[in-house]
């Protein structure tokens, strides 16, 4: 399987929202508006995996902060993002069902970890 990992673009909004809807129940899925704000606010911390035909098959995203834990408000208030913060958070890691168990999630996670290291972040924070 061939795919690339790249930064999200504004025109990815519909596909990202569709992927989220495939991965989470409606009550738990992030909204299109939430993704729009994330894409606008921290595209440098939002990566998509795209297959050879241009379809987004997964993504990872999260704001940067100086806080050591993720608060519920961070998911909806992109204004809490601090580009110069010391911790890279992970809000979501999604892979559509037919591409699971093939290393896509691990590649997305490793990509974000390496990017955070290169940017001098102290650590990663994740909520499960």
Protein backbone atom coordinates (compact mmCIF):
# COMPACT_ATOMS: atom_id res chain seq x y z
CA UNK A 1 0.00 0.00 0.00
CA UNK A 2 1.29 3.40 -0.97
CA UNK A 3 0.38 6.61 0.83
CA UNK A 4 1.97 9.89 1.81
CA UNK A 5 1.76 11.89 5.00
CA UNK A 6 1.43 15.64 4.56
CA UNK A 7 0.14 18.71 6.34
CA UNK A 8 -3.58 19.27 6.12
CA UNK A 9 -4.91 21.90 3.70
CA UNK A 10 -8.14 23.91 3.88
CA UNK A 11 -9.57 21.94 0.96
CA UNK A 12 -9.25 18.71 3.01
CA UNK A 13 -12.04 19.76 5.38
CA UNK A 14 -14.80 17.63 3.85
CA UNK A 15 -12.67 14.48 3.66
CA UNK A 16 -11.34 14.92 7.21
CA UNK A 17 -14.89 15.33 8.49
CA UNK A 18 -15.96 12.19 6.59
CA UNK A 19 -13.08 10.16 8.03
CA UNK A 20 -14.03 11.27 11.55
CA UNK A 21 -17.64 10.22 10.93
CA UNK A 22 -16.44 6.75 9.88
CA UNK A 23 -14.27 6.39 12.97
CA UNK A 24 -16.49 7.73 15.77
CA UNK A 25 -20.16 7.67 16.74
CA UNK A 26 -21.93 10.95 15.99
CA UNK A 27 -22.07 11.88 19.69
CA UNK A 28 -18.27 11.63 19.97
CA UNK A 29 -17.09 12.83 16.55
CA UNK A 30 -15.57 16.27 16.15
CA UNK A 31 -17.68 18.60 14.06
CA UNK A 32 -16.88 20.13 10.70
CA UNK A 33 -16.65 23.54 12.38
CA UNK A 34 -14.19 22.20 14.94
CA UNK A 35 -12.01 20.81 12.15
CA UNK A 36 -12.25 24.09 10.23
CA UNK A 37 -10.88 25.94 13.26
CA UNK A 38 -8.12 23.38 13.83
CA UNK A 39 -7.04 23.53 10.18
CA UNK A 40 -6.97 27.33 10.31
CA UNK A 41 -5.20 27.51 13.68
CA UNK A 42 -2.65 24.69 13.74
CA UNK A 43 -2.12 23.15 10.28
CA UNK A 44 1.51 22.57 11.31
CA UNK A 45 0.22 20.05 13.88
CA UNK A 46 -2.38 18.39 11.65
CA UNK A 47 -1.27 15.66 9.26
CA UNK A 48 -3.22 13.52 6.82
CA UNK A 49 -2.37 10.20 5.22
CA UNK A 50 -3.39 10.28 1.56
CA UNK A 51 -3.44 7.27 -0.77
CA UNK A 52 -2.19 7.26 -4.35
CA UNK A 53 -5.60 8.34 -5.67
CA UNK A 54 -5.75 11.40 -3.39
CA UNK A 55 -8.17 9.95 -0.83
CA UNK A 56 -7.51 10.80 2.81
CA UNK A 57 -7.33 7.49 4.65
CA UNK A 58 -6.41 8.84 8.08
CA UNK A 59 -5.17 11.81 10.06
CA UNK A 60 -3.68 12.98 13.35
CA UNK A 61 -4.02 16.40 14.94
CA UNK A 62 -3.64 18.35 18.16
CA UNK A 63 -2.80 21.78 19.47
CA UNK A 64 0.44 22.85 21.10
CA UNK A 65 0.28 24.03 24.68
CA UNK A 66 2.33 24.71 27.80
CA UNK A 67 -0.11 22.63 29.83
CA UNK A 68 0.80 19.04 30.68
CA UNK A 69 -2.75 17.72 30.31
CA UNK A 70 -5.51 18.15 27.78
CA UNK A 71 -8.60 20.00 28.98
CA UNK A 72 -12.01 19.49 27.37
CA UNK A 73 -12.05 23.16 26.29
CA UNK A 74 -9.01 22.59 24.07
CA UNK A 75 -10.99 20.40 21.69
CA UNK A 76 -13.37 23.23 20.76
CA UNK A 77 -11.41 26.41 21.52
CA UNK A 78 -8.56 26.62 19.01
CA UNK A 79 -7.55 29.88 20.67
CA UNK A 80 -5.91 27.79 23.40
CA UNK A 81 -3.25 26.70 20.88
CA UNK A 82 0.19 28.17 21.64
CA UNK A 83 2.54 27.57 18.70
CA UNK A 84 5.54 28.18 20.94
CA UNK A 85 4.23 25.90 23.70
CA UNK A 86 6.33 23.04 25.03
CA UNK A 87 3.88 20.14 24.61
CA UNK A 88 2.31 18.69 21.48
CA UNK A 89 -1.13 17.28 22.21
CA UNK A 90 -2.97 14.63 20.25
CA UNK A 91 -6.69 15.26 19.86
CA UNK A 92 -7.39 12.51 17.40
CA UNK A 93 -5.83 9.70 15.41
CA UNK A 94 -8.24 8.34 12.81
CA UNK A 95 -7.80 5.68 10.14
CA UNK A 96 -10.71 4.50 8.01
CA UNK A 97 -11.64 0.85 8.60
CA UNK A 98 -10.30 -0.65 5.36
CA UNK A 99 -6.82 0.77 6.03
CA UNK A 100 -6.49 -0.30 9.66
CA UNK A 101 -3.87 -2.82 10.84
CA UNK A 102 -1.51 -1.79 8.04
CA UNK A 103 0.73 0.65 9.92
CA UNK A 104 -1.01 3.90 8.93
CA UNK A 105 -1.79 4.96 12.52
CA UNK A 106 1.77 4.15 13.64
CA UNK A 107 3.21 6.14 10.74
CA UNK A 108 0.99 9.13 11.55
CA UNK A 109 1.95 8.96 15.23
CA UNK A 110 5.66 8.67 14.44
CA UNK A 111 5.40 11.57 11.99
CA UNK A 112 3.86 13.83 14.64
CA UNK A 113 6.41 12.72 17.25
CA UNK A 114 9.33 13.45 14.91
CA UNK A 115 7.84 16.81 13.93
CA UNK A 116 7.37 17.76 17.60
CA UNK A 117 10.98 16.76 18.37
CA UNK A 118 12.26 18.80 15.43
CA UNK A 119 10.33 21.81 16.76
CA UNK A 120 11.92 21.43 20.18
CA UNK A 121 8.83 20.28 22.07
CA UNK A 122 9.43 18.79 25.53
CA UNK A 123 6.85 16.06 25.20
CA UNK A 124 3.55 14.77 23.89
CA UNK A 125 0.21 14.67 25.70
CA UNK A 126 -2.61 12.33 24.86
CA UNK A 127 -6.02 11.61 26.28
CA UNK A 128 -7.56 8.14 25.98
